[in-house]
Amino acid sequence: MIPLLVDNLNIHTPSVLYEVFSPQEAGRIIRKLEFHYTPKHASWLNQVEIELSVLSRQCLERRIPNVGILSSEIATWESQRNQQKPSVYWGFKTKDTRKKMQR
């Protein structure tokens, strides 16, 4: 089995494969996949996306000449980031959303 981690977007379902492939081929592919869906709100996948964004902005927005230096730079960033113990605040409420979106 191939574990497949997906969010809850409506196209991340086995049935979509039947729209692209023949029924036999879609069935063959589906039998090889093991779907794992993230929670709909505040999933750890969202947190990973946030951390990757921070990594990109704080560490990777420049040319890095080779993989060795890249690995070293990321390890240094990761160590510093872990010492900071950052957290994700999920306090955005519906009324705040409406205000921000001016609705």
C-alpha atoms as a PDB file:
ATOM      1  CA  MET A   1       0.000   0.000   0.000  1.00  0.00           C
ATOM      2  CA  ILE A   2       1.038   3.561  -0.685  1.00  0.00           C
ATOM      3  CA  PRO A   3      -0.028   5.927   2.103  1.00  0.00           C
ATOM      4  CA  LEU A   4      -1.465   9.126   0.650  1.00  0.00           C
ATOM      5  CA  LEU A   5      -1.899  12.084   2.984  1.00  0.00           C
ATOM      6  CA  VAL A   6      -4.489  14.527   1.662  1.00  0.00           C
ATOM      7  CA  ASP A   7      -6.572  17.374   2.973  1.00  0.00           C
ATOM      8  CA  ASN A   8     -10.340  17.469   2.624  1.00  0.00           C
ATOM      9  CA  LEU A   9     -10.483  19.231  -0.720  1.00  0.00           C
ATOM     10  CA  ASN A  10     -13.322  17.805  -2.794  1.00  0.00           C
ATOM     11  CA  ILE A  11     -10.960  16.522  -5.495  1.00  0.00           C
ATOM     12  CA  HIS A  12      -8.911  14.426  -3.061  1.00  0.00           C
ATOM     13  CA  THR A  13     -11.107  11.357  -3.254  1.00  0.00           C
ATOM     14  CA  PRO A  14     -10.718   8.008  -4.981  1.00  0.00           C
ATOM     15  CA  SER A  15     -13.696   8.745  -7.248  1.00  0.00           C
ATOM     16  CA  VAL A  16     -11.729  11.451  -9.078  1.00  0.00           C
ATOM     17  CA  LEU A  17      -9.450   8.776 -10.514  1.00  0.00           C
ATOM     18  CA  TYR A  18     -12.460   7.376 -12.388  1.00  0.00           C
ATOM     19  CA  GLU A  19     -12.805  10.731 -14.148  1.00  0.00           C
ATOM     20  CA  VAL A  20      -9.253  10.532 -15.477  1.00  0.00           C
ATOM     21  CA  PHE A  21      -8.624   6.817 -16.016  1.00  0.00           C
ATOM     22  CA  SER A  22     -10.594   3.880 -17.318  1.00  0.00           C
ATOM     23  CA  PRO A  23     -12.567   2.062 -14.586  1.00  0.00           C
ATOM     24  CA  GLN A  24     -10.100  -0.846 -14.614  1.00  0.00           C
ATOM     25  CA  GLU A  25      -7.044   1.427 -14.300  1.00  0.00           C
ATOM     26  CA  ALA A  26      -8.676   3.631 -11.639  1.00  0.00           C
ATOM     27  CA  GLY A  27      -9.566   0.532  -9.601  1.00  0.00           C
ATOM     28  CA  ARG A  28      -6.019  -0.805  -9.930  1.00  0.00           C
ATOM     29  CA  ILE A  29      -4.553   2.492  -8.685  1.00  0.00           C
ATOM     30  CA  ILE A  30      -7.061   2.834  -5.836  1.00  0.00           C
ATOM     31  CA  ARG A  31      -6.215  -0.663  -4.571  1.00  0.00           C
ATOM     32  CA  LYS A  32      -2.602   0.516  -4.163  1.00  0.00           C
ATOM     33  CA  LEU A  33      -3.476   3.705  -2.249  1.00  0.00           C
ATOM     34  CA  GLU A  34      -4.263   4.137   1.415  1.00  0.00           C
ATOM     35  CA  PHE A  35      -6.026   7.496   1.889  1.00  0.00           C
ATOM     36  CA  HIS A  36      -5.374   9.426   5.095  1.00  0.00           C
ATOM     37  CA  TYR A  37      -7.365  12.626   5.527  1.00  0.00           C
ATOM     38  CA  THR A  38      -6.290  15.485   7.775  1.00  0.00           C
ATOM     39  CA  PRO A  39      -8.767  17.069  10.206  1.00  0.00           C
ATOM     40  CA  LYS A  40     -10.895  19.773   8.615  1.00  0.00           C
ATOM     41  CA  HIS A  41      -9.782  22.541  10.980  1.00  0.00           C
ATOM     42  CA  ALA A  42      -6.386  23.324  12.486  1.00  0.00           C
ATOM     43  CA  SER A  43      -4.735  20.189  11.167  1.00  0.00           C
ATOM     44  CA  TRP A  44      -1.095  19.415  11.719  1.00  0.00           C
ATOM     45  CA  LEU A  45      -0.700  19.639   7.939  1.00  0.00           C
ATOM     46  CA  ASN A  46      -1.589  23.339   8.187  1.00  0.00           C
ATOM     47  CA  GLN A  47       1.064  23.724  10.850  1.00  0.00           C
ATOM     48  CA  VAL A  48       3.635  22.026   8.624  1.00  0.00           C
ATOM     49  CA  GLU A  49       2.734  24.382   5.771  1.00  0.00           C
ATOM     50  CA  ILE A  50       3.202  27.343   8.111  1.00  0.00           C
ATOM     51  CA  GLU A  51       6.620  26.068   9.244  1.00  0.00           C
ATOM     52  CA  LEU A  52       7.730  25.469   5.652  1.00  0.00           C
ATOM     53  CA  SER A  53       6.701  29.036   4.844  1.00  0.00           C
ATOM     54  CA  VAL A  54       8.746  30.348   7.788  1.00  0.00           C
ATOM     55  CA  LEU A  55      11.717  28.205   6.714  1.00  0.00           C
ATOM     56  CA  SER A  56      11.462  29.574   3.205  1.00  0.00           C
ATOM     57  CA  ARG A  57      11.322  33.206   4.353  1.00  0.00           C
ATOM     58  CA  GLN A  58      13.952  32.970   7.074  1.00  0.00           C
ATOM     59  CA  CYS A  59      16.468  30.589   5.542  1.00  0.00           C
ATOM     60  CA  LEU A  60      15.971  29.797   1.883  1.00  0.00           C
ATOM     61  CA  GLU A  61      15.353  33.143   0.157  1.00  0.00           C
ATOM     62  CA  ARG A  62      18.814  33.194  -1.355  1.00  0.00           C
ATOM     63  CA  ARG A  63      21.019  31.148  -3.608  1.00  0.00           C
ATOM     64  CA  ILE A  64      22.589  28.219  -1.791  1.00  0.00           C
ATOM     65  CA  PRO A  65      25.452  26.733  -3.815  1.00  0.00           C
ATOM     66  CA  ASN A  66      25.193  23.037  -2.925  1.00  0.00           C
ATOM     67  CA  VAL A  67      23.260  20.384  -1.012  1.00  0.00           C
ATOM     68  CA  GLY A  68      25.817  20.169   1.796  1.00  0.00           C
ATOM     69  CA  ILE A  69      25.511  23.855   2.616  1.00  0.00           C
ATOM     70  CA  LEU A  70      21.729  23.644   2.240  1.00  0.00           C
ATOM     71  CA  SER A  71      21.565  20.785   4.761  1.00  0.00           C
ATOM     72  CA  SER A  72      23.795  22.656   7.184  1.00  0.00           C
ATOM     73  CA  GLU A  73      21.797  25.883   6.876  1.00  0.00           C
ATOM     74  CA  ILE A  74      18.498  24.082   7.429  1.00  0.00           C
ATOM     75  CA  ALA A  75      19.891  22.184  10.440  1.00  0.00           C
ATOM     76  CA  THR A  76      21.085  25.462  11.995  1.00  0.00           C
ATOM     77  CA  TRP A  77      17.735  27.141  11.330  1.00  0.00           C
ATOM     78  CA  GLU A  78      15.860  24.134  12.738  1.00  0.00           C
ATOM     79  CA  SER A  79      17.940  24.133  15.923  1.00  0.00           C
ATOM     80  CA  GLN A  80      17.346  27.840  16.490  1.00  0.00           C
ATOM     81  CA  ARG A  81      13.642  27.504  15.673  1.00  0.00           C
ATOM     82  CA  ASN A  82      13.227  24.603  18.121  1.00  0.00           C
ATOM     83  CA  GLN A  83      14.917  26.611  20.884  1.00  0.00           C
ATOM     84  CA  GLN A  84      12.369  29.398  20.311  1.00  0.00           C
ATOM     85  CA  LYS A  85       9.507  26.903  20.751  1.00  0.00           C
ATOM     86  CA  PRO A  86       7.120  28.787  18.463  1.00  0.00           C
ATOM     87  CA  SER A  87       3.421  28.002  18.541  1.00  0.00           C
ATOM     88  CA  VAL A  88       0.506  28.427  16.185  1.00  0.00           C
ATOM     89  CA  TYR A  89      -2.406  30.528  17.410  1.00  0.00           C
ATOM     90  CA  TRP A  90      -5.738  29.397  15.957  1.00  0.00           C
ATOM     91  CA  GLY A  91      -7.821  32.220  17.455  1.00  0.00           C
ATOM     92  CA  PHE A  92      -9.254  33.587  14.227  1.00  0.00           C
ATOM     93  CA  LYS A  93     -12.995  33.807  14.790  1.00  0.00           C
ATOM     94  CA  THR A  94     -15.838  34.087  12.257  1.00  0.00           C
ATOM     95  CA  LYS A  95     -16.571  37.710  13.201  1.00  0.00           C
ATOM     96  CA  ASP A  96     -12.874  38.563  12.715  1.00  0.00           C
ATOM     97  CA  THR A  97     -12.955  36.890   9.322  1.00  0.00           C
ATOM     98  CA  ARG A  98     -16.011  38.892   8.257  1.00  0.00           C
ATOM     99  CA  LYS A  99     -14.385  42.101   9.452  1.00  0.00           C
ATOM    100  CA  LYS A 100     -11.173  41.319   7.613  1.00  0.00           C
ATOM    101  CA  MET A 101     -13.054  40.365   4.454  1.00  0.00           C
ATOM    102  CA  GLN A 102     -15.378  43.361   4.916  1.00  0.00           C
ATOM    103  CA  ARG A 103     -18.607  41.381   4.914  1.00  0.00           C
END
